[in-house]
Amino acid sequence: MNTLTSFFSYLNTLRKGEEGQTMAEYGVVLAVIAIGVVAALLTLSGAISDAINRVVGFL
């Protein structure tokens, strides 16, 4: 009976663990940041290209 109680206690501890949830939240935040960076680069790509071409023109 003690072994069965220990097993259920172990399962309950695993169920209450938040490590997996925390990693999932970090993954979501990282994905949102990555999407934001890509969107900003796509939006500014013309301006960045023009600025680089002006610098090359001065050289």
PDB file of N, CA and C in Angstrom:
ATOM      1  N   MET A   1       0.826  -1.189   0.000  1.00  0.00           N
ATOM      2  CA  MET A   1       0.000   0.000   0.000  1.00  0.00           C
ATOM      3  C   MET A   1       0.872   1.254   0.000  1.00  0.00           C
ATOM      4  N   ASN A   2       1.987   1.210   0.695  1.00  0.00           N
ATOM      5  CA  ASN A   2       2.897   2.349   0.763  1.00  0.00           C
ATOM      6  C   ASN A   2       3.456   2.677  -0.617  1.00  0.00           C
ATOM      7  N   THR A   3       3.753   1.661  -1.408  1.00  0.00           N
ATOM      8  CA  THR A   3       4.292   1.868  -2.751  1.00  0.00           C
ATOM      9  C   THR A   3       3.261   2.548  -3.636  1.00  0.00           C
ATOM     10  N   LEU A   4       2.010   2.132  -3.523  1.00  0.00           N
ATOM     11  CA  LEU A   4       0.945   2.737  -4.318  1.00  0.00           C
ATOM     12  C   LEU A   4       0.745   4.201  -3.931  1.00  0.00           C
ATOM     13  N   THR A   5       0.793   4.503  -2.661  1.00  0.00           N
ATOM     14  CA  THR A   5       0.668   5.881  -2.193  1.00  0.00           C
ATOM     15  C   THR A   5       1.835   6.722  -2.700  1.00  0.00           C
ATOM     16  N   SER A   6       3.021   6.168  -2.656  1.00  0.00           N
ATOM     17  CA  SER A   6       4.191   6.885  -3.157  1.00  0.00           C
ATOM     18  C   SER A   6       4.069   7.152  -4.652  1.00  0.00           C
ATOM     19  N   PHE A   7       3.551   6.178  -5.395  1.00  0.00           N
ATOM     20  CA  PHE A   7       3.385   6.333  -6.833  1.00  0.00           C
ATOM     21  C   PHE A   7       2.400   7.451  -7.141  1.00  0.00           C
ATOM     22  N   PHE A   8       1.269   7.489  -6.440  1.00  0.00           N
ATOM     23  CA  PHE A   8       0.280   8.547  -6.667  1.00  0.00           C
ATOM     24  C   PHE A   8       0.826   9.903  -6.228  1.00  0.00           C
ATOM     25  N   SER A   9       1.598   9.920  -5.189  1.00  0.00           N
ATOM     26  CA  SER A   9       2.227  11.162  -4.755  1.00  0.00           C
ATOM     27  C   SER A   9       3.196  11.674  -5.828  1.00  0.00           C
ATOM     28  N   TYR A  10       3.954  10.752  -6.421  1.00  0.00           N
ATOM     29  CA  TYR A  10       4.881  11.105  -7.496  1.00  0.00           C
ATOM     30  C   TYR A  10       4.124  11.648  -8.711  1.00  0.00           C
ATOM     31  N   LEU A  11       3.021  10.998  -9.090  1.00  0.00           N
ATOM     32  CA  LEU A  11       2.216  11.473 -10.221  1.00  0.00           C
ATOM     33  C   LEU A  11       1.618  12.842  -9.942  1.00  0.00           C
ATOM     34  N   ASN A  12       1.191  13.063  -8.725  1.00  0.00           N
ATOM     35  CA  ASN A  12       0.636  14.358  -8.350  1.00  0.00           C
ATOM     36  C   ASN A  12       1.695  15.447  -8.428  1.00  0.00           C
ATOM     37  N   THR A  13       2.911  15.134  -8.032  1.00  0.00           N
ATOM     38  CA  THR A  13       4.015  16.092  -8.122  1.00  0.00           C
ATOM     39  C   THR A  13       4.312  16.431  -9.574  1.00  0.00           C
ATOM     40  N   LEU A  14       4.300  15.433 -10.439  1.00  0.00           N
ATOM     41  CA  LEU A  14       4.532  15.679 -11.865  1.00  0.00           C
ATOM     42  C   LEU A  14       3.433  16.543 -12.469  1.00  0.00           C
ATOM     43  N   ARG A  15       2.211  16.302 -12.046  1.00  0.00           N
ATOM     44  CA  ARG A  15       1.080  17.054 -12.584  1.00  0.00           C
ATOM     45  C   ARG A  15       1.146  18.521 -12.192  1.00  0.00           C
ATOM     46  N   LYS A  16       1.654  18.807 -11.005  1.00  0.00           N
ATOM     47  CA  LYS A  16       1.715  20.174 -10.518  1.00  0.00           C
ATOM     48  C   LYS A  16       2.949  20.925 -11.015  1.00  0.00           C
ATOM     49  N   GLY A  17       3.871  20.228 -11.651  1.00  0.00           N
ATOM     50  CA  GLY A  17       5.080  20.883 -12.132  1.00  0.00           C
ATOM     51  C   GLY A  17       4.780  21.905 -13.203  1.00  0.00           C
ATOM     52  N   GLU A  18       5.495  23.016 -13.170  1.00  0.00           N
ATOM     53  CA  GLU A  18       5.252  24.100 -14.117  1.00  0.00           C
ATOM     54  C   GLU A  18       6.414  24.311 -15.067  1.00  0.00           C
ATOM     55  N   GLU A  19       7.401  23.439 -15.053  1.00  0.00           N
ATOM     56  CA  GLU A  19       8.564  23.634 -15.911  1.00  0.00           C
ATOM     57  C   GLU A  19       8.174  23.586 -17.385  1.00  0.00           C
ATOM     58  N   GLY A  20       7.321  22.665 -17.752  1.00  0.00           N
ATOM     59  CA  GLY A  20       6.888  22.548 -19.143  1.00  0.00           C
ATOM     60  C   GLY A  20       6.097  23.756 -19.593  1.00  0.00           C
ATOM     61  N   GLN A  21       5.253  24.276 -18.724  1.00  0.00           N
ATOM     62  CA  GLN A  21       4.481  25.462 -19.047  1.00  0.00           C
ATOM     63  C   GLN A  21       5.396  26.659 -19.238  1.00  0.00           C
ATOM     64  N   THR A  22       6.395  26.786 -18.411  1.00  0.00           N
ATOM     65  CA  THR A  22       7.318  27.908 -18.513  1.00  0.00           C
ATOM     66  C   THR A  22       8.078  27.852 -19.828  1.00  0.00           C
ATOM     67  N   MET A  23       8.538  26.677 -20.221  1.00  0.00           N
ATOM     68  CA  MET A  23       9.260  26.553 -21.490  1.00  0.00           C
ATOM     69  C   MET A  23       8.343  26.875 -22.663  1.00  0.00           C
ATOM     70  N   ALA A  24       7.096  26.473 -22.587  1.00  0.00           N
ATOM     71  CA  ALA A  24       6.141  26.788 -23.654  1.00  0.00           C
ATOM     72  C   ALA A  24       5.914  28.292 -23.736  1.00  0.00           C
ATOM     73  N   GLU A  25       5.833  28.948 -22.597  1.00  0.00           N
ATOM     74  CA  GLU A  25       5.657  30.403 -22.600  1.00  0.00           C
ATOM     75  C   GLU A  25       6.875  31.091 -23.199  1.00  0.00           C
ATOM     76  N   TYR A  26       8.067  30.633 -22.870  1.00  0.00           N
ATOM     77  CA  TYR A  26       9.266  31.207 -23.472  1.00  0.00           C
ATOM     78  C   TYR A  26       9.264  31.000 -24.985  1.00  0.00           C
ATOM     79  N   GLY A  27       8.812  29.846 -25.421  1.00  0.00           N
ATOM     80  CA  GLY A  27       8.739  29.569 -26.854  1.00  0.00           C
ATOM     81  C   GLY A  27       7.782  30.511 -27.563  1.00  0.00           C
ATOM     82  N   VAL A  28       6.642  30.782 -26.946  1.00  0.00           N
ATOM     83  CA  VAL A  28       5.669  31.700 -27.544  1.00  0.00           C
ATOM     84  C   VAL A  28       6.242  33.111 -27.610  1.00  0.00           C
ATOM     85  N   VAL A  29       6.876  33.549 -26.548  1.00  0.00           N
ATOM     86  CA  VAL A  29       7.476  34.889 -26.542  1.00  0.00           C
ATOM     87  C   VAL A  29       8.561  34.990 -27.607  1.00  0.00           C
ATOM     88  N   LEU A  30       9.385  33.971 -27.731  1.00  0.00           N
ATOM     89  CA  LEU A  30      10.438  33.971 -28.743  1.00  0.00           C
ATOM     90  C   LEU A  30       9.846  34.017 -30.145  1.00  0.00           C
ATOM     91  N   ALA A  31       8.784  33.282 -30.385  1.00  0.00           N
ATOM     92  CA  ALA A  31       8.138  33.285 -31.699  1.00  0.00           C
ATOM     93  C   ALA A  31       7.554  34.654 -32.019  1.00  0.00           C
ATOM     94  N   VAL A  32       6.933  35.308 -31.055  1.00  0.00           N
ATOM     95  CA  VAL A  32       6.368  36.643 -31.277  1.00  0.00           C
ATOM     96  C   VAL A  32       7.471  37.648 -31.584  1.00  0.00           C
ATOM     97  N   ILE A  33       8.584  37.565 -30.863  1.00  0.00           N
ATOM     98  CA  ILE A  33       9.707  38.472 -31.123  1.00  0.00           C
ATOM     99  C   ILE A  33      10.275  38.225 -32.505  1.00  0.00           C
ATOM    100  N   ALA A  34      10.438  36.965 -32.884  1.00  0.00           N
ATOM    101  CA  ALA A  34      10.977  36.632 -34.203  1.00  0.00           C
ATOM    102  C   ALA A  34      10.068  37.148 -35.314  1.00  0.00           C
ATOM    103  N   ILE A  35       8.761  37.000 -35.148  1.00  0.00           N
ATOM    104  CA  ILE A  35       7.820  37.501 -36.143  1.00  0.00           C
ATOM    105  C   ILE A  35       7.905  39.019 -36.231  1.00  0.00           C
ATOM    106  N   GLY A  36       8.050  39.685 -35.103  1.00  0.00           N
ATOM    107  CA  GLY A  36       8.189  41.146 -35.089  1.00  0.00           C
ATOM    108  C   GLY A  36       9.451  41.610 -35.800  1.00  0.00           C
ATOM    109  N   VAL A  37      10.552  40.916 -35.578  1.00  0.00           N
ATOM    110  CA  VAL A  37      11.812  41.280 -36.231  1.00  0.00           C
ATOM    111  C   VAL A  37      11.705  41.083 -37.739  1.00  0.00           C
ATOM    112  N   VAL A  38      11.137  39.973 -38.159  1.00  0.00           N
ATOM    113  CA  VAL A  38      10.981  39.714 -39.593  1.00  0.00           C
ATOM    114  C   VAL A  38      10.070  40.761 -40.223  1.00  0.00           C
ATOM    115  N   ALA A  39       8.973  41.104 -39.563  1.00  0.00           N
ATOM    116  CA  ALA A  39       8.054  42.115 -40.092  1.00  0.00           C
ATOM    117  C   ALA A  39       8.742  43.475 -40.201  1.00  0.00           C
ATOM    118  N   ALA A  40       9.536  43.831 -39.194  1.00  0.00           N
ATOM    119  CA  ALA A  40      10.243  45.110 -39.232  1.00  0.00           C
ATOM    120  C   ALA A  40      11.266  45.134 -40.358  1.00  0.00           C
ATOM    121  N   LEU A  41      11.998  44.048 -40.543  1.00  0.00           N
ATOM    122  CA  LEU A  41      12.984  43.994 -41.621  1.00  0.00           C
ATOM    123  C   LEU A  41      12.325  44.057 -42.989  1.00  0.00           C
ATOM    124  N   LEU A  42      11.198  43.378 -43.144  1.00  0.00           N
ATOM    125  CA  LEU A  42      10.485  43.435 -44.419  1.00  0.00           C
ATOM    126  C   LEU A  42       9.948  44.832 -44.685  1.00  0.00           C
ATOM    127  N   THR A  43       9.460  45.494 -43.646  1.00  0.00           N
ATOM    128  CA  THR A  43       8.927  46.840 -43.800  1.00  0.00           C
ATOM    129  C   THR A  43      10.035  47.839 -44.130  1.00  0.00           C
ATOM    130  N   LEU A  44      11.168  47.692 -43.506  1.00  0.00           N
ATOM    131  CA  LEU A  44      12.262  48.649 -43.676  1.00  0.00           C
ATOM    132  C   LEU A  44      13.271  48.245 -44.737  1.00  0.00           C
ATOM    133  N   SER A  45      13.045  47.156 -45.432  1.00  0.00           N
ATOM    134  CA  SER A  45      14.057  46.660 -46.366  1.00  0.00           C
ATOM    135  C   SER A  45      14.364  47.658 -47.469  1.00  0.00           C
ATOM    136  N   GLY A  46      13.356  48.363 -47.972  1.00  0.00           N
ATOM    137  CA  GLY A  46      13.597  49.367 -49.006  1.00  0.00           C
ATOM    138  C   GLY A  46      14.453  50.511 -48.492  1.00  0.00           C
ATOM    139  N   ALA A  47      14.160  51.003 -47.308  1.00  0.00           N
ATOM    140  CA  ALA A  47      14.916  52.105 -46.719  1.00  0.00           C
ATOM    141  C   ALA A  47      16.346  51.680 -46.402  1.00  0.00           C
ATOM    142  N   ILE A  48      16.506  50.458 -45.916  1.00  0.00           N
ATOM    143  CA  ILE A  48      17.848  49.957 -45.609  1.00  0.00           C
ATOM    144  C   ILE A  48      18.658  49.819 -46.894  1.00  0.00           C
ATOM    145  N   SER A  49      18.038  49.305 -47.927  1.00  0.00           N
ATOM    146  CA  SER A  49      18.721  49.150 -49.209  1.00  0.00           C
ATOM    147  C   SER A  49      19.127  50.512 -49.784  1.00  0.00           C
ATOM    148  N   ASP A  50      18.239  51.495 -49.702  1.00  0.00           N
ATOM    149  CA  ASP A  50      18.561  52.844 -50.182  1.00  0.00           C
ATOM    150  C   ASP A  50      19.716  53.452 -49.392  1.00  0.00           C
ATOM    151  N   ALA A  51      19.718  53.281 -48.093  1.00  0.00           N
ATOM    152  CA  ALA A  51      20.789  53.834 -47.262  1.00  0.00           C
ATOM    153  C   ALA A  51      22.127  53.189 -47.613  1.00  0.00           C
ATOM    154  N   ILE A  52      22.140  51.880 -47.821  1.00  0.00           N
ATOM    155  CA  ILE A  52      23.380  51.193 -48.189  1.00  0.00           C
ATOM    156  C   ILE A  52      23.858  51.670 -49.553  1.00  0.00           C
ATOM    157  N   ASN A  53      22.941  51.837 -50.484  1.00  0.00           N
ATOM    158  CA  ASN A  53      23.326  52.322 -51.814  1.00  0.00           C
ATOM    159  C   ASN A  53      23.881  53.741 -51.767  1.00  0.00           C
ATOM    160  N   ARG A  54      23.334  54.609 -50.906  1.00  0.00           N
ATOM    161  CA  ARG A  54      23.884  55.965 -50.761  1.00  0.00           C
ATOM    162  C   ARG A  54      25.293  55.934 -50.193  1.00  0.00           C
ATOM    163  N   VAL A  55      25.523  55.063 -49.219  1.00  0.00           N
ATOM    164  CA  VAL A  55      26.860  54.948 -48.641  1.00  0.00           C
ATOM    165  C   VAL A  55      27.843  54.435 -49.685  1.00  0.00           C
ATOM    166  N   VAL A  56      27.438  53.440 -50.478  1.00  0.00           N
ATOM    167  CA  VAL A  56      28.294  52.917 -51.543  1.00  0.00           C
ATOM    168  C   VAL A  56      28.573  54.004 -52.568  1.00  0.00           C
ATOM    169  N   GLY A  57      27.574  54.858 -52.840  1.00  0.00           N
ATOM    170  CA  GLY A  57      27.761  55.958 -53.781  1.00  0.00           C
ATOM    171  C   GLY A  57      28.798  56.961 -53.300  1.00  0.00           C
ATOM    172  N   PHE A  58      28.864  57.201 -52.005  1.00  0.00           N
ATOM    173  CA  PHE A  58      29.855  58.128 -51.452  1.00  0.00           C
ATOM    174  C   PHE A  58      31.254  57.540 -51.477  1.00  0.00           C
ATOM    175  N   LEU A  59      31.352  56.230 -51.434  1.00  0.00           N
ATOM    176  CA  LEU A  59      32.671  55.588 -51.430  1.00  0.00           C
ATOM    177  C   LEU A  59      33.186  55.590 -52.829  1.00  0.00           C
TER     178      LEU A  59
END
